Amino acid sequence: MIRTPLISGVIHIILACLFTYFAIENVNEYGWDFFSYVLVLLATFDFGTGLRLVALHFKLKKILQQQKK
């Protein structure tokens, strides 16, 4: 099954929210340790990737609509 950029982007954004939640919980419990920074870094990369994939989906959709005209 082929995943569209929209589905992949939404999955990345959901994972980023999950990593952000875990990072907040980890900071509240243990303070800023190495694992907290890793979780924040993963969340940042996932948010960026997710937003880029969602934008790609809409760009592709726009290009395909223009080609059909």
PDB file of N, CA and C in Angstrom:
ATOM      1  N   MET A   1       0.841  -1.175   0.000  1.00  0.00           N
ATOM      2  CA  MET A   1       0.000   0.000   0.000  1.00  0.00           C
ATOM      3  C   MET A   1       0.894   1.249   0.000  1.00  0.00           C
ATOM      4  N   ILE A   2       0.584   2.167  -0.884  1.00  0.00           N
ATOM      5  CA  ILE A   2       1.359   3.395  -1.006  1.00  0.00           C
ATOM      6  C   ILE A   2       0.752   4.453  -0.081  1.00  0.00           C
ATOM      7  N   ARG A   3       1.605   5.048   0.741  1.00  0.00           N
ATOM      8  CA  ARG A   3       1.144   6.107   1.626  1.00  0.00           C
ATOM      9  C   ARG A   3       1.329   7.452   0.947  1.00  0.00           C
ATOM     10  N   THR A   4       0.327   8.288   1.030  1.00  0.00           N
ATOM     11  CA  THR A   4       0.429   9.621   0.455  1.00  0.00           C
ATOM     12  C   THR A   4       1.248  10.517   1.388  1.00  0.00           C
ATOM     13  N   PRO A   5       1.769  11.622   0.862  1.00  0.00           N
ATOM     14  CA  PRO A   5       2.512  12.543   1.731  1.00  0.00           C
ATOM     15  C   PRO A   5       1.641  13.088   2.868  1.00  0.00           C
ATOM     16  N   LEU A   6       0.339  13.206   2.625  1.00  0.00           N
ATOM     17  CA  LEU A   6      -0.538  13.724   3.677  1.00  0.00           C
ATOM     18  C   LEU A   6      -0.593  12.760   4.856  1.00  0.00           C
ATOM     19  N   ILE A   7      -0.775  11.483   4.587  1.00  0.00           N
ATOM     20  CA  ILE A   7      -0.841  10.487   5.667  1.00  0.00           C
ATOM     21  C   ILE A   7       0.495  10.412   6.401  1.00  0.00           C
ATOM     22  N   SER A   8       1.586  10.401   5.662  1.00  0.00           N
ATOM     23  CA  SER A   8       2.909  10.367   6.294  1.00  0.00           C
ATOM     24  C   SER A   8       3.151  11.614   7.138  1.00  0.00           C
ATOM     25  N   GLY A   9       2.726  12.764   6.633  1.00  0.00           N
ATOM     26  CA  GLY A   9       2.884  14.009   7.378  1.00  0.00           C
ATOM     27  C   GLY A   9       2.091  14.005   8.668  1.00  0.00           C
ATOM     28  N   VAL A  10       0.873  13.510   8.606  1.00  0.00           N
ATOM     29  CA  VAL A  10       0.036  13.454   9.815  1.00  0.00           C
ATOM     30  C   VAL A  10       0.650  12.492  10.833  1.00  0.00           C
ATOM     31  N   ILE A  11       1.182  11.370  10.362  1.00  0.00           N
ATOM     32  CA  ILE A  11       1.833  10.423  11.279  1.00  0.00           C
ATOM     33  C   ILE A  11       3.043  11.073  11.950  1.00  0.00           C
ATOM     34  N   HIS A  12       3.836  11.819  11.186  1.00  0.00           N
ATOM     35  CA  HIS A  12       4.997  12.502  11.766  1.00  0.00           C
ATOM     36  C   HIS A  12       4.564  13.558  12.785  1.00  0.00           C
ATOM     37  N   ILE A  13       3.504  14.275  12.509  1.00  0.00           N
ATOM     38  CA  ILE A  13       3.035  15.297  13.450  1.00  0.00           C
ATOM     39  C   ILE A  13       2.506  14.653  14.729  1.00  0.00           C
ATOM     40  N   ILE A  14       1.809  13.534  14.598  1.00  0.00           N
ATOM     41  CA  ILE A  14       1.325  12.816  15.792  1.00  0.00           C
ATOM     42  C   ILE A  14       2.500  12.319  16.628  1.00  0.00           C
ATOM     43  N   LEU A  15       3.517  11.766  15.969  1.00  0.00           N
ATOM     44  CA  LEU A  15       4.708  11.322  16.695  1.00  0.00           C
ATOM     45  C   LEU A  15       5.412  12.494  17.373  1.00  0.00           C
ATOM     46  N   ALA A  16       5.456  13.637  16.706  1.00  0.00           N
ATOM     47  CA  ALA A  16       6.087  14.816  17.300  1.00  0.00           C
ATOM     48  C   ALA A  16       5.339  15.259  18.551  1.00  0.00           C
ATOM     49  N   CYS A  17       4.017  15.212  18.500  1.00  0.00           N
ATOM     50  CA  CYS A  17       3.229  15.553  19.696  1.00  0.00           C
ATOM     51  C   CYS A  17       3.505  14.572  20.822  1.00  0.00           C
ATOM     52  N   LEU A  18       3.631  13.300  20.484  1.00  0.00           N
ATOM     53  CA  LEU A  18       3.937  12.283  21.486  1.00  0.00           C
ATOM     54  C   LEU A  18       5.316  12.506  22.099  1.00  0.00           C
ATOM     55  N   PHE A  19       6.315  12.783  21.267  1.00  0.00           N
ATOM     56  CA  PHE A  19       7.658  13.062  21.781  1.00  0.00           C
ATOM     57  C   PHE A  19       7.672  14.326  22.642  1.00  0.00           C
ATOM     58  N   THR A  20       6.903  15.326  22.256  1.00  0.00           N
ATOM     59  CA  THR A  20       6.824  16.548  23.052  1.00  0.00           C
ATOM     60  C   THR A  20       6.211  16.269  24.419  1.00  0.00           C
ATOM     61  N   TYR A  21       5.151  15.474  24.432  1.00  0.00           N
ATOM     62  CA  TYR A  21       4.519  15.098  25.702  1.00  0.00           C
ATOM     63  C   TYR A  21       5.509  14.373  26.609  1.00  0.00           C
ATOM     64  N   PHE A  22       6.217  13.388  26.039  1.00  0.00           N
ATOM     65  CA  PHE A  22       7.200  12.639  26.836  1.00  0.00           C
ATOM     66  C   PHE A  22       8.328  13.545  27.323  1.00  0.00           C
ATOM     67  N   ALA A  23       8.738  14.484  26.503  1.00  0.00           N
ATOM     68  CA  ALA A  23       9.801  15.408  26.917  1.00  0.00           C
ATOM     69  C   ALA A  23       9.337  16.278  28.076  1.00  0.00           C
ATOM     70  N   ILE A  24       8.101  16.773  28.011  1.00  0.00           N
ATOM     71  CA  ILE A  24       7.573  17.611  29.100  1.00  0.00           C
ATOM     72  C   ILE A  24       7.476  16.799  30.387  1.00  0.00           C
ATOM     73  N   GLU A  25       6.975  15.569  30.280  1.00  0.00           N
ATOM     74  CA  GLU A  25       6.881  14.711  31.464  1.00  0.00           C
ATOM     75  C   GLU A  25       8.261  14.402  32.037  1.00  0.00           C
ATOM     76  N   ASN A  26       9.230  14.159  31.172  1.00  0.00           N
ATOM     77  CA  ASN A  26      10.576  13.844  31.619  1.00  0.00           C
ATOM     78  C   ASN A  26      11.229  15.049  32.304  1.00  0.00           C
ATOM     79  N   VAL A  27      11.022  16.236  31.760  1.00  0.00           N
ATOM     80  CA  VAL A  27      11.595  17.447  32.368  1.00  0.00           C
ATOM     81  C   VAL A  27      10.954  17.706  33.726  1.00  0.00           C
ATOM     82  N   ASN A  28       9.638  17.514  33.818  1.00  0.00           N
ATOM     83  CA  ASN A  28       8.963  17.731  35.101  1.00  0.00           C
ATOM     84  C   ASN A  28       9.439  16.759  36.174  1.00  0.00           C
ATOM     85  N   GLU A  29       9.781  15.547  35.764  1.00  0.00           N
ATOM     86  CA  GLU A  29      10.176  14.542  36.741  1.00  0.00           C
ATOM     87  C   GLU A  29      11.664  14.564  37.060  1.00  0.00           C
ATOM     88  N   TYR A  30      12.526  14.687  36.025  1.00  0.00           N
ATOM     89  CA  TYR A  30      13.967  14.554  36.224  1.00  0.00           C
ATOM     90  C   TYR A  30      14.760  15.816  35.911  1.00  0.00           C
ATOM     91  N   GLY A  31      14.132  16.830  35.365  1.00  0.00           N
ATOM     92  CA  GLY A  31      14.872  18.018  34.951  1.00  0.00           C
ATOM     93  C   GLY A  31      15.440  17.814  33.549  1.00  0.00           C
ATOM     94  N   TRP A  32      16.274  18.766  33.146  1.00  0.00           N
ATOM     95  CA  TRP A  32      16.831  18.710  31.782  1.00  0.00           C
ATOM     96  C   TRP A  32      18.038  17.793  31.768  1.00  0.00           C
ATOM     97  N   ASP A  33      17.821  16.543  31.430  1.00  0.00           N
ATOM     98  CA  ASP A  33      18.923  15.610  31.260  1.00  0.00           C
ATOM     99  C   ASP A  33      19.091  15.286  29.774  1.00  0.00           C
ATOM    100  N   PHE A  34      19.981  14.369  29.471  1.00  0.00           N
ATOM    101  CA  PHE A  34      20.287  14.042  28.080  1.00  0.00           C
ATOM    102  C   PHE A  34      19.053  13.524  27.336  1.00  0.00           C
ATOM    103  N   PHE A  35      18.281  12.684  27.978  1.00  0.00           N
ATOM    104  CA  PHE A  35      17.113  12.092  27.344  1.00  0.00           C
ATOM    105  C   PHE A  35      16.064  13.155  26.987  1.00  0.00           C
ATOM    106  N   SER A  36      15.948  14.193  27.806  1.00  0.00           N
ATOM    107  CA  SER A  36      15.015  15.283  27.512  1.00  0.00           C
ATOM    108  C   SER A  36      15.409  15.998  26.223  1.00  0.00           C
ATOM    109  N   TYR A  37      16.690  16.247  26.081  1.00  0.00           N
ATOM    110  CA  TYR A  37      17.172  16.902  24.864  1.00  0.00           C
ATOM    111  C   TYR A  37      16.958  16.030  23.630  1.00  0.00           C
ATOM    112  N   VAL A  38      17.147  14.732  23.774  1.00  0.00           N
ATOM    113  CA  VAL A  38      16.923  13.810  22.656  1.00  0.00           C
ATOM    114  C   VAL A  38      15.455  13.834  22.246  1.00  0.00           C
ATOM    115  N   LEU A  39      14.554  13.822  23.217  1.00  0.00           N
ATOM    116  CA  LEU A  39      13.123  13.853  22.902  1.00  0.00           C
ATOM    117  C   LEU A  39      12.725  15.161  22.219  1.00  0.00           C
ATOM    118  N   VAL A  40      13.258  16.264  22.682  1.00  0.00           N
ATOM    119  CA  VAL A  40      12.965  17.557  22.055  1.00  0.00           C
ATOM    120  C   VAL A  40      13.517  17.594  20.633  1.00  0.00           C
ATOM    121  N   LEU A  41      14.704  17.042  20.430  1.00  0.00           N
ATOM    122  CA  LEU A  41      15.297  16.994  19.098  1.00  0.00           C
ATOM    123  C   LEU A  41      14.458  16.133  18.151  1.00  0.00           C
ATOM    124  N   LEU A  42      14.020  14.979  18.614  1.00  0.00           N
ATOM    125  CA  LEU A  42      13.160  14.117  17.798  1.00  0.00           C
ATOM    126  C   LEU A  42      11.839  14.800  17.460  1.00  0.00           C
ATOM    127  N   ALA A  43      11.259  15.478  18.433  1.00  0.00           N
ATOM    128  CA  ALA A  43       9.996  16.183  18.188  1.00  0.00           C
ATOM    129  C   ALA A  43      10.185  17.287  17.153  1.00  0.00           C
ATOM    130  N   THR A  44      11.291  18.003  17.242  1.00  0.00           N
ATOM    131  CA  THR A  44      11.558  19.078  16.286  1.00  0.00           C
ATOM    132  C   THR A  44      11.691  18.539  14.866  1.00  0.00           C
ATOM    133  N   PHE A  45      12.460  17.464  14.716  1.00  0.00           N
ATOM    134  CA  PHE A  45      12.624  16.862  13.385  1.00  0.00           C
ATOM    135  C   PHE A  45      11.297  16.331  12.852  1.00  0.00           C
ATOM    136  N   ASP A  46      10.492  15.713  13.718  1.00  0.00           N
ATOM    137  CA  ASP A  46       9.217  15.164  13.260  1.00  0.00           C
ATOM    138  C   ASP A  46       8.230  16.270  12.882  1.00  0.00           C
ATOM    139  N   PHE A  47       8.182  17.347  13.656  1.00  0.00           N
ATOM    140  CA  PHE A  47       7.314  18.468  13.279  1.00  0.00           C
ATOM    141  C   PHE A  47       7.730  19.042  11.930  1.00  0.00           C
ATOM    142  N   GLY A  48       9.026  19.253  11.746  1.00  0.00           N
ATOM    143  CA  GLY A  48       9.511  19.803  10.480  1.00  0.00           C
ATOM    144  C   GLY A  48       9.205  18.894   9.305  1.00  0.00           C
ATOM    145  N   THR A  49       9.450  17.610   9.477  1.00  0.00           N
ATOM    146  CA  THR A  49       9.183  16.648   8.415  1.00  0.00           C
ATOM    147  C   THR A  49       7.690  16.555   8.126  1.00  0.00           C
ATOM    148  N   GLY A  50       6.887  16.529   9.181  1.00  0.00           N
ATOM    149  CA  GLY A  50       5.440  16.445   8.999  1.00  0.00           C
ATOM    150  C   GLY A  50       4.873  17.641   8.261  1.00  0.00           C
ATOM    151  N   LEU A  51       5.298  18.825   8.649  1.00  0.00           N
ATOM    152  CA  LEU A  51       4.811  20.034   7.978  1.00  0.00           C
ATOM    153  C   LEU A  51       5.264  20.070   6.522  1.00  0.00           C
ATOM    154  N   ARG A  52       6.498  19.638   6.268  1.00  0.00           N
ATOM    155  CA  ARG A  52       7.007  19.608   4.899  1.00  0.00           C
ATOM    156  C   ARG A  52       6.217  18.620   4.032  1.00  0.00           C
ATOM    157  N   LEU A  53       5.883  17.471   4.593  1.00  0.00           N
ATOM    158  CA  LEU A  53       5.119  16.475   3.837  1.00  0.00           C
ATOM    159  C   LEU A  53       3.685  16.938   3.569  1.00  0.00           C
ATOM    160  N   VAL A  54       3.068  17.596   4.538  1.00  0.00           N
ATOM    161  CA  VAL A  54       1.715  18.115   4.317  1.00  0.00           C
ATOM    162  C   VAL A  54       1.745  19.196   3.236  1.00  0.00           C
ATOM    163  N   ALA A  55       2.739  20.062   3.286  1.00  0.00           N
ATOM    164  CA  ALA A  55       2.866  21.099   2.252  1.00  0.00           C
ATOM    165  C   ALA A  55       3.114  20.468   0.881  1.00  0.00           C
ATOM    166  N   LEU A  56       3.908  19.408   0.831  1.00  0.00           N
ATOM    167  CA  LEU A  56       4.161  18.706  -0.423  1.00  0.00           C
ATOM    168  C   LEU A  56       2.875  18.122  -0.989  1.00  0.00           C
ATOM    169  N   HIS A  57       2.043  17.580  -0.131  1.00  0.00           N
ATOM    170  CA  HIS A  57       0.767  17.017  -0.582  1.00  0.00           C
ATOM    171  C   HIS A  57      -0.081  18.073  -1.284  1.00  0.00           C
ATOM    172  N   PHE A  58      -0.186  19.245  -0.664  1.00  0.00           N
ATOM    173  CA  PHE A  58      -1.020  20.288  -1.259  1.00  0.00           C
ATOM    174  C   PHE A  58      -0.397  20.867  -2.531  1.00  0.00           C
ATOM    175  N   LYS A  59       0.932  20.933  -2.597  1.00  0.00           N
ATOM    176  CA  LYS A  59       1.583  21.382  -3.828  1.00  0.00           C
ATOM    177  C   LYS A  59       1.334  20.394  -4.962  1.00  0.00           C
ATOM    178  N   LEU A  60       1.464  19.101  -4.666  1.00  0.00           N
ATOM    179  CA  LEU A  60       1.211  18.084  -5.684  1.00  0.00           C
ATOM    180  C   LEU A  60      -0.247  18.107  -6.142  1.00  0.00           C
ATOM    181  N   LYS A  61      -1.142  18.295  -5.199  1.00  0.00           N
ATOM    182  CA  LYS A  61      -2.565  18.361  -5.532  1.00  0.00           C
ATOM    183  C   LYS A  61      -2.852  19.554  -6.442  1.00  0.00           C
ATOM    184  N   LYS A  62      -2.227  20.688  -6.153  1.00  0.00           N
ATOM    185  CA  LYS A  62      -2.415  21.881  -6.968  1.00  0.00           C
ATOM    186  C   LYS A  62      -1.856  21.679  -8.375  1.00  0.00           C
ATOM    187  N   ILE A  63      -0.688  21.054  -8.472  1.00  0.00           N
ATOM    188  CA  ILE A  63      -0.072  20.801  -9.780  1.00  0.00           C
ATOM    189  C   ILE A  63      -0.933  19.841 -10.597  1.00  0.00           C
ATOM    190  N   LEU A  64      -1.444  18.804  -9.973  1.00  0.00           N
ATOM    191  CA  LEU A  64      -2.292  17.841 -10.683  1.00  0.00           C
ATOM    192  C   LEU A  64      -3.592  18.481 -11.157  1.00  0.00           C
ATOM    193  N   GLN A  65      -4.163  19.372 -10.368  1.00  0.00           N
ATOM    194  CA  GLN A  65      -5.390  20.068 -10.779  1.00  0.00           C
ATOM    195  C   GLN A  65      -5.116  21.000 -11.958  1.00  0.00           C
ATOM    196  N   GLN A  66      -3.958  21.647 -11.965  1.00  0.00           N
ATOM    197  CA  GLN A  66      -3.617  22.541 -13.073  1.00  0.00           C
ATOM    198  C   GLN A  66      -3.362  21.758 -14.356  1.00  0.00           C
ATOM    199  N   GLN A  67      -2.835  20.551 -14.249  1.00  0.00           N
ATOM    200  CA  GLN A  67      -2.574  19.734 -15.432  1.00  0.00           C
ATOM    201  C   GLN A  67      -3.859  19.184 -16.038  1.00  0.00           C
ATOM    202  N   LYS A  68      -4.883  19.000 -15.211  1.00  0.00           N
ATOM    203  CA  LYS A  68      -6.148  18.468 -15.707  1.00  0.00           C
ATOM    204  C   LYS A  68      -6.952  19.510 -16.474  1.00  0.00           C
ATOM    205  N   LYS A  69      -6.657  20.779 -16.262  1.00  0.00           N
ATOM    206  CA  LYS A  69      -7.422  21.844 -16.925  1.00  0.00           C
ATOM    207  C   LYS A  69      -7.079  21.953 -18.376  1.00  0.00           C
TER     208      LYS A  69
END
